[in-house]
Amino acid sequence: IKSFGKSAHGSTPWLGENAILKALWLYRRIYRLPFARERSLVFDGPSINLGHISGGDVLNKVPDACVLGLDIRYLPTQVPHEIVRQIRTLASDSAEVEVLYQRPPAVADPNLPYVRALLRAIRLESSTSAISVGRDGASDVTYFLEKGIPGVEFGPRGANHHGDDEYVEVESLQEYRRILVYFVRHLEDLGAELGG
């Protein structure tokens, strides 16, 4: 989102329009838009992250432009162009909204045979019954789904993705291996189940 204001001397800010303040006002209002209040079975709402802000060039001048970089991870039930429409309506004439990158959420039918087979392998080879059926973030599985190839994101346990203390639980790597081996070894059973 690029917001526009009017330059003025820093000692007389009332003579200008501070583009940074206008951008922050827009950002706060985004949380009140209908899409931001929607919920789904798995998620409490879409994630809206202000990941970058750039505005102003010197301290003694009212900034006339500001750019906000937002990362919006919308729900599988939401339509991206409707989200952009809502934000553009809010921005009106005081800002421009540009979509830099858009990827759909990854959604797989839990009744697909391969998904059921993986769930069976997890139940039999995992020490925990906790299986996440939805997750924040993104993965390359969306490329497979776009081509009609079923896929899920599945891996060892860990936390703090993209943080300074990101980690993988080492003990979960062996469990992950056992699950994959079981899954691959029983693909023949799956083939028979599918009739081929």
N, C-alpha and C. Protein backbone atom coordinates (compact mmCIF):
# COMPACT_ATOMS: atom_id res chain seq x y z
N ILE A 1 0.86 -1.17 0.00
CA ILE A 1 0.00 0.00 0.00
C ILE A 1 0.90 1.22 0.00
N LYS A 2 0.68 2.11 -0.97
CA LYS A 2 1.44 3.36 -1.01
C LYS A 2 0.48 4.49 -0.70
N SER A 3 0.74 5.19 0.41
CA SER A 3 -0.12 6.32 0.78
C SER A 3 0.57 7.62 0.39
N PHE A 4 -0.26 8.64 0.13
CA PHE A 4 0.24 9.93 -0.31
C PHE A 4 -0.17 11.01 0.67
N GLY A 5 0.72 11.97 0.87
CA GLY A 5 0.44 13.10 1.75
C GLY A 5 0.90 14.38 1.09
N LYS A 6 1.26 15.33 1.93
CA LYS A 6 1.73 16.63 1.43
C LYS A 6 2.90 17.06 2.30
N SER A 7 4.01 17.38 1.67
CA SER A 7 5.21 17.80 2.40
C SER A 7 4.99 19.13 3.10
N ALA A 8 5.68 19.27 4.21
CA ALA A 8 5.71 20.53 4.95
C ALA A 8 6.95 20.49 5.82
N HIS A 9 7.31 21.63 6.38
CA HIS A 9 8.45 21.68 7.29
C HIS A 9 8.07 20.96 8.58
N GLY A 10 9.05 20.28 9.20
CA GLY A 10 8.81 19.54 10.42
C GLY A 10 8.35 20.41 11.58
N SER A 11 8.64 21.69 11.53
CA SER A 11 8.22 22.59 12.62
C SER A 11 6.78 23.04 12.46
N THR A 12 6.19 22.77 11.28
CA THR A 12 4.79 23.13 11.03
C THR A 12 4.05 21.95 10.40
N PRO A 13 3.95 20.83 11.12
CA PRO A 13 3.33 19.64 10.54
C PRO A 13 1.87 19.85 10.15
N TRP A 14 1.18 20.80 10.76
CA TRP A 14 -0.23 21.04 10.45
C TRP A 14 -0.42 21.61 9.05
N LEU A 15 0.66 22.07 8.44
CA LEU A 15 0.58 22.58 7.07
C LEU A 15 0.72 21.46 6.03
N GLY A 16 1.06 20.27 6.47
CA GLY A 16 1.21 19.15 5.56
C GLY A 16 0.23 18.03 5.85
N GLU A 17 0.41 16.93 5.17
CA GLU A 17 -0.35 15.71 5.41
C GLU A 17 0.65 14.58 5.53
N ASN A 18 0.78 14.03 6.72
CA ASN A 18 1.80 13.02 6.99
C ASN A 18 1.39 11.68 6.39
N ALA A 19 2.08 11.26 5.34
CA ALA A 19 1.75 10.02 4.63
C ALA A 19 1.97 8.79 5.51
N ILE A 20 2.92 8.85 6.44
CA ILE A 20 3.16 7.72 7.34
C ILE A 20 1.96 7.53 8.26
N LEU A 21 1.46 8.62 8.82
CA LEU A 21 0.29 8.52 9.69
C LEU A 21 -0.93 8.04 8.92
N LYS A 22 -1.09 8.50 7.68
CA LYS A 22 -2.21 8.03 6.85
C LYS A 22 -2.08 6.54 6.57
N ALA A 23 -0.87 6.08 6.31
CA ALA A 23 -0.65 4.65 6.04
C ALA A 23 -0.96 3.82 7.27
N LEU A 24 -0.53 4.27 8.43
CA LEU A 24 -0.81 3.54 9.67
C LEU A 24 -2.30 3.52 9.98
N TRP A 25 -2.99 4.62 9.69
CA TRP A 25 -4.44 4.65 9.86
C TRP A 25 -5.09 3.59 8.97
N LEU A 26 -4.64 3.52 7.71
CA LEU A 26 -5.16 2.50 6.79
C LEU A 26 -4.89 1.10 7.32
N TYR A 27 -3.68 0.88 7.80
CA TYR A 27 -3.31 -0.44 8.32
C TYR A 27 -4.24 -0.85 9.47
N ARG A 28 -4.46 0.04 10.39
CA ARG A 28 -5.35 -0.27 11.53
C ARG A 28 -6.77 -0.54 11.08
N ARG A 29 -7.24 0.18 10.07
CA ARG A 29 -8.61 0.00 9.56
C ARG A 29 -8.77 -1.33 8.82
N ILE A 30 -7.70 -1.88 8.27
CA ILE A 30 -7.80 -3.16 7.56
C ILE A 30 -8.36 -4.24 8.49
N TYR A 31 -7.99 -4.19 9.76
CA TYR A 31 -8.48 -5.19 10.72
C TYR A 31 -9.99 -5.10 10.95
N ARG A 32 -10.61 -3.99 10.54
CA ARG A 32 -12.06 -3.84 10.70
C ARG A 32 -12.83 -4.25 9.45
N LEU A 33 -12.12 -4.53 8.37
CA LEU A 33 -12.78 -4.94 7.14
C LEU A 33 -13.43 -6.31 7.31
N PRO A 34 -14.49 -6.59 6.56
CA PRO A 34 -15.19 -7.88 6.72
C PRO A 34 -14.28 -9.11 6.56
N PHE A 35 -13.35 -9.10 5.59
CA PHE A 35 -12.51 -10.28 5.39
C PHE A 35 -11.64 -10.57 6.61
N ALA A 36 -11.22 -9.52 7.32
CA ALA A 36 -10.32 -9.70 8.47
C ALA A 36 -11.04 -10.31 9.66
N ARG A 37 -12.36 -10.25 9.67
CA ARG A 37 -13.13 -10.78 10.79
C ARG A 37 -13.69 -12.17 10.51
N GLU A 38 -13.46 -12.69 9.31
CA GLU A 38 -13.98 -14.03 8.97
C GLU A 38 -13.18 -15.10 9.70
N ARG A 39 -13.82 -16.23 9.92
CA ARG A 39 -13.22 -17.38 10.60
C ARG A 39 -13.42 -18.62 9.74
N SER A 40 -12.66 -19.67 10.05
CA SER A 40 -12.87 -20.95 9.38
C SER A 40 -12.81 -22.06 10.42
N LEU A 41 -13.06 -23.28 9.98
CA LEU A 41 -12.99 -24.43 10.89
C LEU A 41 -11.63 -24.57 11.54
N VAL A 42 -10.58 -24.26 10.80
CA VAL A 42 -9.22 -24.49 11.28
C VAL A 42 -8.56 -23.23 11.82
N PHE A 43 -8.89 -22.07 11.25
CA PHE A 43 -8.20 -20.84 11.61
C PHE A 43 -9.14 -19.81 12.22
N ASP A 44 -8.62 -19.04 13.17
CA ASP A 44 -9.39 -17.98 13.80
C ASP A 44 -9.55 -16.76 12.90
N GLY A 45 -8.84 -16.72 11.83
CA GLY A 45 -8.93 -15.62 10.88
C GLY A 45 -7.71 -15.58 10.00
N PRO A 46 -7.73 -14.72 8.98
CA PRO A 46 -6.54 -14.59 8.15
C PRO A 46 -5.43 -13.89 8.94
N SER A 47 -4.20 -14.13 8.54
CA SER A 47 -3.10 -13.41 9.20
C SER A 47 -2.77 -12.17 8.37
N ILE A 48 -2.52 -11.08 9.06
CA ILE A 48 -2.19 -9.81 8.41
C ILE A 48 -0.92 -9.30 9.08
N ASN A 49 0.18 -9.35 8.36
CA ASN A 49 1.47 -8.96 8.92
C ASN A 49 2.01 -7.72 8.21
N LEU A 50 2.30 -6.68 9.00
CA LEU A 50 2.99 -5.51 8.48
C LEU A 50 4.48 -5.83 8.53
N GLY A 51 5.02 -6.27 7.39
CA GLY A 51 6.39 -6.75 7.35
C GLY A 51 7.41 -5.72 6.94
N HIS A 52 6.94 -4.60 6.37
CA HIS A 52 7.88 -3.59 5.90
C HIS A 52 7.17 -2.25 5.85
N ILE A 53 7.88 -1.20 6.24
CA ILE A 53 7.35 0.17 6.12
C ILE A 53 8.50 1.08 5.69
N SER A 54 8.20 1.95 4.73
CA SER A 54 9.21 2.88 4.24
C SER A 54 8.53 4.22 3.98
N GLY A 55 9.02 5.25 4.64
CA GLY A 55 8.44 6.57 4.43
C GLY A 55 9.32 7.65 5.02
N GLY A 56 9.26 8.79 4.41
CA GLY A 56 10.06 9.92 4.88
C GLY A 56 11.52 9.78 4.52
N ASP A 57 12.21 10.94 4.53
CA ASP A 57 13.64 10.89 4.23
C ASP A 57 14.48 11.67 5.23
N VAL A 58 13.89 12.66 5.89
CA VAL A 58 14.61 13.41 6.92
C VAL A 58 13.65 13.70 8.06
N LEU A 59 14.20 13.95 9.25
CA LEU A 59 13.37 14.16 10.43
C LEU A 59 12.65 15.49 10.44
N ASN A 60 13.15 16.48 9.73
CA ASN A 60 12.57 17.82 9.82
C ASN A 60 11.60 18.11 8.67
N LYS A 61 11.00 17.07 8.10
CA LYS A 61 10.10 17.25 6.97
C LYS A 61 8.91 16.30 7.13
N VAL A 62 7.72 16.79 6.86
CA VAL A 62 6.52 15.94 6.86
C VAL A 62 6.59 15.06 5.61
N PRO A 63 6.54 13.73 5.79
CA PRO A 63 6.68 12.84 4.63
C PRO A 63 5.45 12.88 3.72
N ASP A 64 5.70 12.92 2.41
CA ASP A 64 4.59 12.97 1.45
C ASP A 64 4.28 11.61 0.83
N ALA A 65 5.03 10.57 1.21
CA ALA A 65 4.75 9.23 0.69
C ALA A 65 5.19 8.19 1.72
N CYS A 66 4.49 7.07 1.73
CA CYS A 66 4.83 5.96 2.62
C CYS A 66 4.37 4.67 1.97
N VAL A 67 5.20 3.64 2.08
CA VAL A 67 4.85 2.34 1.53
C VAL A 67 4.80 1.33 2.66
N LEU A 68 3.68 0.60 2.74
CA LEU A 68 3.52 -0.51 3.69
C LEU A 68 3.58 -1.81 2.91
N GLY A 69 4.37 -2.75 3.38
CA GLY A 69 4.41 -4.08 2.80
C GLY A 69 3.64 -5.03 3.70
N LEU A 70 2.50 -5.51 3.23
CA LEU A 70 1.66 -6.40 4.02
C LEU A 70 1.73 -7.82 3.48
N ASP A 71 1.78 -8.77 4.39
CA ASP A 71 1.70 -10.19 4.05
C ASP A 71 0.38 -10.69 4.61
N ILE A 72 -0.59 -10.92 3.72
CA ILE A 72 -1.91 -11.38 4.14
C ILE A 72 -2.08 -12.83 3.72
N ARG A 73 -2.23 -13.71 4.71
CA ARG A 73 -2.48 -15.13 4.45
C ARG A 73 -3.97 -15.36 4.65
N TYR A 74 -4.70 -15.41 3.55
CA TYR A 74 -6.15 -15.50 3.63
C TYR A 74 -6.61 -16.94 3.85
N LEU A 75 -7.86 -17.07 4.27
CA LEU A 75 -8.44 -18.37 4.58
C LEU A 75 -8.77 -19.12 3.29
N PRO A 76 -8.79 -20.45 3.34
CA PRO A 76 -9.14 -21.22 2.14
C PRO A 76 -10.52 -20.88 1.58
N THR A 77 -11.42 -20.37 2.41
CA THR A 77 -12.77 -20.02 1.96
C THR A 77 -12.86 -18.61 1.38
N GLN A 78 -11.78 -17.85 1.44
CA GLN A 78 -11.81 -16.46 0.98
C GLN A 78 -11.32 -16.34 -0.46
N VAL A 79 -11.78 -15.26 -1.11
CA VAL A 79 -11.41 -14.98 -2.50
C VAL A 79 -10.46 -13.78 -2.50
N PRO A 80 -9.23 -13.96 -3.01
CA PRO A 80 -8.23 -12.89 -2.91
C PRO A 80 -8.64 -11.56 -3.54
N HIS A 81 -9.31 -11.60 -4.70
CA HIS A 81 -9.66 -10.30 -5.33
C HIS A 81 -10.70 -9.55 -4.50
N GLU A 82 -11.50 -10.25 -3.70
CA GLU A 82 -12.45 -9.57 -2.82
C GLU A 82 -11.71 -8.88 -1.67
N ILE A 83 -10.66 -9.50 -1.17
CA ILE A 83 -9.84 -8.89 -0.13
C ILE A 83 -9.20 -7.61 -0.66
N VAL A 84 -8.63 -7.70 -1.85
CA VAL A 84 -8.00 -6.53 -2.46
C VAL A 84 -9.04 -5.44 -2.70
N ARG A 85 -10.24 -5.82 -3.15
CA ARG A 85 -11.30 -4.84 -3.38
C ARG A 85 -11.65 -4.10 -2.08
N GLN A 86 -11.77 -4.85 -0.98
CA GLN A 86 -12.10 -4.22 0.29
C GLN A 86 -11.01 -3.23 0.72
N ILE A 87 -9.75 -3.63 0.55
CA ILE A 87 -8.64 -2.74 0.94
C ILE A 87 -8.61 -1.51 0.04
N ARG A 88 -8.85 -1.69 -1.26
CA ARG A 88 -8.85 -0.55 -2.19
C ARG A 88 -9.98 0.42 -1.86
N THR A 89 -11.13 -0.11 -1.46
CA THR A 89 -12.26 0.75 -1.07
C THR A 89 -11.87 1.60 0.13
N LEU A 90 -11.19 0.99 1.07
CA LEU A 90 -10.73 1.70 2.26
C LEU A 90 -9.69 2.76 1.89
N ALA A 91 -8.78 2.39 0.99
CA ALA A 91 -7.70 3.30 0.60
C ALA A 91 -8.22 4.50 -0.18
N SER A 92 -9.27 4.31 -0.97
CA SER A 92 -9.91 5.38 -1.73
C SER A 92 -8.87 6.10 -2.60
N ASP A 93 -8.87 7.43 -2.54
CA ASP A 93 -7.95 8.23 -3.37
C ASP A 93 -6.65 8.54 -2.66
N SER A 94 -6.53 8.16 -1.38
CA SER A 94 -5.35 8.57 -0.62
C SER A 94 -4.21 7.55 -0.70
N ALA A 95 -4.44 6.43 -1.38
CA ALA A 95 -3.40 5.40 -1.44
C ALA A 95 -3.60 4.50 -2.65
N GLU A 96 -2.52 3.84 -3.06
CA GLU A 96 -2.56 2.85 -4.13
C GLU A 96 -2.32 1.48 -3.52
N VAL A 97 -3.03 0.47 -4.01
CA VAL A 97 -2.87 -0.90 -3.53
C VAL A 97 -2.39 -1.74 -4.69
N GLU A 98 -1.28 -2.42 -4.48
CA GLU A 98 -0.70 -3.28 -5.52
C GLU A 98 -0.44 -4.66 -4.93
N VAL A 99 -0.85 -5.70 -5.67
CA VAL A 99 -0.58 -7.07 -5.25
C VAL A 99 0.75 -7.48 -5.87
N LEU A 100 1.72 -7.81 -5.02
CA LEU A 100 3.04 -8.20 -5.51
C LEU A 100 3.13 -9.69 -5.79
N TYR A 101 2.42 -10.48 -4.99
CA TYR A 101 2.56 -11.92 -5.10
C TYR A 101 1.32 -12.55 -4.49
N GLN A 102 0.79 -13.59 -5.12
CA GLN A 102 -0.40 -14.24 -4.58
C GLN A 102 -0.32 -15.74 -4.83
N ARG A 103 -0.52 -16.51 -3.77
CA ARG A 103 -0.56 -17.97 -3.86
C ARG A 103 -1.81 -18.44 -3.13
N PRO A 104 -2.48 -19.43 -3.67
CA PRO A 104 -3.69 -19.93 -2.99
C PRO A 104 -3.32 -20.78 -1.78
N PRO A 105 -4.24 -20.87 -0.82
CA PRO A 105 -3.99 -21.79 0.31
C PRO A 105 -3.96 -23.23 -0.20
N ALA A 106 -3.23 -24.07 0.48
CA ALA A 106 -3.16 -25.49 0.12
C ALA A 106 -4.29 -26.21 0.85
N VAL A 107 -5.16 -26.82 0.07
CA VAL A 107 -6.28 -27.55 0.63
C VAL A 107 -6.33 -28.93 -0.02
N ALA A 108 -6.33 -29.96 0.80
CA ALA A 108 -6.42 -31.33 0.29
C ALA A 108 -7.62 -32.01 0.93
N ASP A 109 -8.33 -32.80 0.14
CA ASP A 109 -9.47 -33.55 0.63
C ASP A 109 -8.98 -34.64 1.59
N PRO A 110 -9.42 -34.63 2.85
CA PRO A 110 -8.95 -35.64 3.80
C PRO A 110 -9.41 -37.05 3.46
N ASN A 111 -10.34 -37.17 2.51
CA ASN A 111 -10.83 -38.49 2.12
C ASN A 111 -10.09 -39.09 0.94
N LEU A 112 -9.13 -38.37 0.38
CA LEU A 112 -8.32 -38.94 -0.71
C LEU A 112 -7.57 -40.16 -0.20
N PRO A 113 -7.46 -41.20 -1.00
CA PRO A 113 -6.81 -42.43 -0.53
C PRO A 113 -5.39 -42.24 -0.01
N TYR A 114 -4.59 -41.42 -0.69
CA TYR A 114 -3.21 -41.21 -0.24
C TYR A 114 -3.16 -40.45 1.09
N VAL A 115 -4.08 -39.51 1.26
CA VAL A 115 -4.14 -38.78 2.53
C VAL A 115 -4.56 -39.74 3.64
N ARG A 116 -5.57 -40.57 3.39
CA ARG A 116 -5.99 -41.55 4.40
C ARG A 116 -4.85 -42.52 4.73
N ALA A 117 -4.09 -42.92 3.69
CA ALA A 117 -2.97 -43.84 3.92
C ALA A 117 -1.89 -43.18 4.78
N LEU A 118 -1.62 -41.92 4.53
CA LEU A 118 -0.63 -41.21 5.33
C LEU A 118 -1.12 -41.07 6.77
N LEU A 119 -2.38 -40.76 6.95
CA LEU A 119 -2.94 -40.67 8.30
C LEU A 119 -2.85 -42.01 9.03
N ARG A 120 -3.08 -43.09 8.30
CA ARG A 120 -2.95 -44.43 8.89
C ARG A 120 -1.50 -44.67 9.32
N ALA A 121 -0.55 -44.32 8.47
CA ALA A 121 0.86 -44.49 8.81
C ALA A 121 1.23 -43.66 10.04
N ILE A 122 0.69 -42.46 10.12
CA ILE A 122 0.96 -41.61 11.29
C ILE A 122 0.40 -42.24 12.55
N ARG A 123 -0.83 -42.74 12.47
CA ARG A 123 -1.44 -43.37 13.66
C ARG A 123 -0.63 -44.57 14.13
N LEU A 124 -0.12 -45.36 13.19
CA LEU A 124 0.58 -46.60 13.55
C LEU A 124 2.04 -46.37 13.96
N GLU A 125 2.68 -45.35 13.42
CA GLU A 125 4.12 -45.17 13.65
C GLU A 125 4.49 -43.96 14.50
N SER A 126 3.49 -43.20 14.93
CA SER A 126 3.78 -41.99 15.69
C SER A 126 3.57 -42.21 17.18
N SER A 127 4.38 -41.54 17.96
CA SER A 127 4.24 -41.63 19.42
C SER A 127 3.22 -40.62 19.94
N THR A 128 2.72 -39.78 19.05
CA THR A 128 1.74 -38.78 19.45
C THR A 128 0.51 -38.89 18.58
N SER A 129 -0.61 -38.57 19.13
CA SER A 129 -1.83 -38.58 18.33
C SER A 129 -2.15 -37.19 17.79
N ALA A 130 -1.30 -36.22 18.14
CA ALA A 130 -1.55 -34.85 17.70
C ALA A 130 -1.15 -34.68 16.25
N ILE A 131 -2.13 -34.45 15.41
CA ILE A 131 -1.89 -34.22 13.99
C ILE A 131 -2.53 -32.90 13.62
N SER A 132 -1.74 -32.02 13.08
CA SER A 132 -2.26 -30.73 12.66
C SER A 132 -2.95 -30.89 11.32
N VAL A 133 -4.17 -30.36 11.23
CA VAL A 133 -4.90 -30.44 9.97
C VAL A 133 -4.93 -29.11 9.24
N GLY A 134 -4.31 -28.13 9.82
CA GLY A 134 -4.20 -26.83 9.19
C GLY A 134 -3.02 -26.11 9.79
N ARG A 135 -2.37 -25.31 8.98
CA ARG A 135 -1.15 -24.70 9.47
C ARG A 135 -0.94 -23.36 8.80
N ASP A 136 -0.42 -22.42 9.57
CA ASP A 136 -0.05 -21.13 9.00
C ASP A 136 1.19 -21.33 8.15
N GLY A 137 1.42 -20.41 7.26
CA GLY A 137 2.63 -20.50 6.45
C GLY A 137 2.31 -20.99 5.05
N ALA A 138 3.33 -21.28 4.31
CA ALA A 138 3.17 -21.71 2.93
C ALA A 138 4.18 -22.79 2.61
N SER A 139 3.90 -23.54 1.56
CA SER A 139 4.84 -24.56 1.13
C SER A 139 4.70 -24.78 -0.37
N ASP A 140 5.59 -25.58 -0.90
CA ASP A 140 5.56 -25.88 -2.33
C ASP A 140 4.42 -26.81 -2.73
N VAL A 141 3.68 -27.32 -1.75
CA VAL A 141 2.59 -28.24 -2.07
C VAL A 141 1.55 -27.57 -2.96
N THR A 142 1.43 -26.24 -2.89
CA THR A 142 0.46 -25.55 -3.74
C THR A 142 0.74 -25.78 -5.23
N TYR A 143 2.01 -25.91 -5.60
CA TYR A 143 2.35 -26.16 -7.01
C TYR A 143 1.82 -27.51 -7.46
N PHE A 144 1.91 -28.52 -6.60
CA PHE A 144 1.38 -29.85 -6.93
C PHE A 144 -0.14 -29.79 -7.04
N LEU A 145 -0.79 -29.14 -6.08
CA LEU A 145 -2.25 -29.06 -6.08
C LEU A 145 -2.76 -28.36 -7.33
N GLU A 146 -2.04 -27.32 -7.80
CA GLU A 146 -2.44 -26.62 -9.02
C GLU A 146 -2.44 -27.55 -10.23
N LYS A 147 -1.59 -28.56 -10.22
CA LYS A 147 -1.50 -29.51 -11.33
C LYS A 147 -2.40 -30.72 -11.13
N GLY A 148 -3.22 -30.69 -10.07
CA GLY A 148 -4.14 -31.80 -9.81
C GLY A 148 -3.49 -32.97 -9.10
N ILE A 149 -2.30 -32.76 -8.56
CA ILE A 149 -1.60 -33.82 -7.84
C ILE A 149 -1.86 -33.63 -6.35
N PRO A 150 -2.51 -34.59 -5.70
CA PRO A 150 -2.80 -34.43 -4.27
C PRO A 150 -1.52 -34.25 -3.47
N GLY A 151 -1.58 -33.41 -2.49
CA GLY A 151 -0.41 -33.20 -1.65
C GLY A 151 -0.79 -32.59 -0.32
N VAL A 152 0.02 -32.89 0.67
CA VAL A 152 -0.13 -32.30 2.00
C VAL A 152 1.24 -31.89 2.49
N GLU A 153 1.26 -30.96 3.40
CA GLU A 153 2.52 -30.60 4.04
C GLU A 153 2.65 -31.46 5.29
N PHE A 154 3.75 -32.17 5.36
CA PHE A 154 3.94 -33.11 6.46
C PHE A 154 5.43 -33.20 6.76
N GLY A 155 5.78 -33.14 8.02
CA GLY A 155 7.20 -33.22 8.34
C GLY A 155 7.44 -33.37 9.82
N PRO A 156 8.71 -33.34 10.21
CA PRO A 156 9.05 -33.46 11.63
C PRO A 156 8.56 -32.25 12.41
N ARG A 157 8.52 -32.40 13.72
CA ARG A 157 8.06 -31.31 14.58
C ARG A 157 9.17 -30.29 14.81
N GLY A 158 8.76 -29.06 15.03
CA GLY A 158 9.69 -27.97 15.32
C GLY A 158 8.88 -26.73 15.60
N ALA A 159 9.56 -25.61 15.70
CA ALA A 159 8.84 -24.36 16.01
C ALA A 159 9.70 -23.15 15.67
N ASN A 160 9.10 -21.99 15.85
CA ASN A 160 9.74 -20.68 15.67
C ASN A 160 10.24 -20.45 14.25
N HIS A 161 9.42 -20.84 13.27
CA HIS A 161 9.80 -20.68 11.87
C HIS A 161 10.22 -19.25 11.55
N HIS A 162 11.32 -19.10 10.88
CA HIS A 162 11.93 -17.83 10.48
C HIS A 162 12.41 -16.99 11.66
N GLY A 163 12.41 -17.55 12.85
CA GLY A 163 12.91 -16.83 14.01
C GLY A 163 14.37 -17.15 14.27
N ASP A 164 15.00 -16.39 15.15
CA ASP A 164 16.40 -16.63 15.47
C ASP A 164 16.61 -17.99 16.13
N ASP A 165 15.57 -18.49 16.80
CA ASP A 165 15.71 -19.77 17.49
C ASP A 165 14.85 -20.86 16.84
N GLU A 166 14.75 -20.82 15.50
CA GLU A 166 14.02 -21.87 14.77
C GLU A 166 14.68 -23.21 15.04
N TYR A 167 13.87 -24.25 15.18
CA TYR A 167 14.46 -25.56 15.47
C TYR A 167 13.56 -26.70 14.99
N VAL A 168 14.16 -27.86 14.85
CA VAL A 168 13.46 -29.12 14.59
C VAL A 168 13.76 -30.03 15.76
N GLU A 169 12.74 -30.72 16.27
CA GLU A 169 12.95 -31.67 17.35
C GLU A 169 13.66 -32.90 16.76
N VAL A 170 14.88 -33.12 17.17
CA VAL A 170 15.70 -34.18 16.60
C VAL A 170 15.02 -35.54 16.75
N GLU A 171 14.41 -35.79 17.91
CA GLU A 171 13.77 -37.09 18.12
C GLU A 171 12.61 -37.32 17.15
N SER A 172 12.02 -36.23 16.62
CA SER A 172 10.91 -36.40 15.69
C SER A 172 11.39 -36.82 14.30
N LEU A 173 12.67 -36.66 14.00
CA LEU A 173 13.20 -37.05 12.69
C LEU A 173 13.11 -38.57 12.48
N GLN A 174 13.44 -39.36 13.52
CA GLN A 174 13.33 -40.81 13.41
C GLN A 174 11.87 -41.24 13.23
N GLU A 175 10.99 -40.59 13.97
CA GLU A 175 9.56 -40.89 13.85
C GLU A 175 9.06 -40.55 12.44
N TYR A 176 9.49 -39.42 11.94
CA TYR A 176 9.12 -38.99 10.60
C TYR A 176 9.59 -40.02 9.57
N ARG A 177 10.80 -40.51 9.73
CA ARG A 177 11.34 -41.54 8.84
C ARG A 177 10.50 -42.81 8.89
N ARG A 178 10.15 -43.26 10.10
CA ARG A 178 9.34 -44.48 10.25
C ARG A 178 7.98 -44.34 9.55
N ILE A 179 7.37 -43.17 9.69
CA ILE A 179 6.07 -42.94 9.06
C ILE A 179 6.19 -43.00 7.54
N LEU A 180 7.22 -42.36 6.99
CA LEU A 180 7.41 -42.38 5.53
C LEU A 180 7.70 -43.78 5.01
N VAL A 181 8.53 -44.52 5.74
CA VAL A 181 8.85 -45.89 5.32
C VAL A 181 7.58 -46.74 5.32
N TYR A 182 6.79 -46.64 6.38
CA TYR A 182 5.54 -47.40 6.44
C TYR A 182 4.63 -47.01 5.28
N PHE A 183 4.50 -45.72 5.04
CA PHE A 183 3.65 -45.23 3.96
C PHE A 183 4.08 -45.82 2.61
N VAL A 184 5.37 -45.75 2.29
CA VAL A 184 5.87 -46.24 1.01
C VAL A 184 5.72 -47.76 0.91
N ARG A 185 6.02 -48.47 1.98
CA ARG A 185 5.91 -49.93 1.96
C ARG A 185 4.49 -50.42 1.76
N HIS A 186 3.52 -49.60 2.13
CA HIS A 186 2.12 -50.03 2.02
C HIS A 186 1.40 -49.39 0.83
N LEU A 187 2.16 -48.82 -0.10
CA LEU A 187 1.55 -48.27 -1.30
C LEU A 187 0.90 -49.36 -2.15
N GLU A 188 1.49 -50.56 -2.09
CA GLU A 188 0.91 -51.68 -2.83
C GLU A 188 -0.51 -51.98 -2.32
N ASP A 189 -0.68 -51.93 -1.00
CA ASP A 189 -2.01 -52.13 -0.41
C ASP A 189 -2.97 -51.05 -0.91
N LEU A 190 -2.44 -49.84 -1.01
CA LEU A 190 -3.26 -48.73 -1.48
C LEU A 190 -3.68 -48.95 -2.93
N GLY A 191 -2.73 -49.44 -3.74
CA GLY A 191 -3.04 -49.74 -5.13
C GLY A 191 -4.17 -50.75 -5.24
N ALA A 192 -4.12 -51.77 -4.41
CA ALA A 192 -5.20 -52.78 -4.41
C ALA A 192 -6.52 -52.16 -3.98
N GLU A 193 -6.44 -51.26 -3.00
CA GLU A 193 -7.64 -50.58 -2.51
C GLU A 193 -8.26 -49.71 -3.60
N LEU A 194 -7.41 -49.13 -4.45
CA LEU A 194 -7.89 -48.28 -5.55
C LEU A 194 -8.29 -49.08 -6.77
N GLY A 195 -8.02 -50.39 -6.72
CA GLY A 195 -8.41 -51.25 -7.83
C GLY A 195 -7.39 -51.29 -8.94
N GLY A 196 -6.09 -51.12 -8.60
CA GLY A 196 -5.09 -51.14 -9.68
C GLY A 196 -3.75 -51.55 -9.21
